[in-house]
């Protein structure tokens, strides 16, 4: 276990978006691995989606067995301003790793704490999302490397 905190964006990272809510391939395995690496208490959601909407999405994903039961209980980071300031997660930003698909949201001085992931999207042409997407697998490898270097 580590004292590093993993801050996860929701839309484009874990699910397509707050409307269609397609889970990214491998989401359950990814979250279970993150739990063993970080512990539930060190995983949080850092998203522009309102907290009530996040809870609604989380409950749906749990009901459909797409995420672990504890997903609904993750700490939700309330933030203000145009950037996701990691100090909302922890005073010591060097304890925080943020995973996001939109780097402009991250404060310039905190970009070294960002692991960028390609956006998981569902084209509005009503095609299905990319079920061959392997981003979460690649992300897990990056997280393990980072944690091993601490």
Foldseek 3Di string as FASTA:
>chain_A
DALAAEEEEPDQGQAPDLPPGHGAAPNAVLQVLCCVVHNQQRYAYEYPDDLVSLLVSQVVCVVVVNYPPCSSVHHYQDDDDQARECVSVPVPLVSYAYEEQDVVNHPPVNCVSYDHFHGFHDPPVPDGTDNVDPRSVVVSVVVVVVSVVD
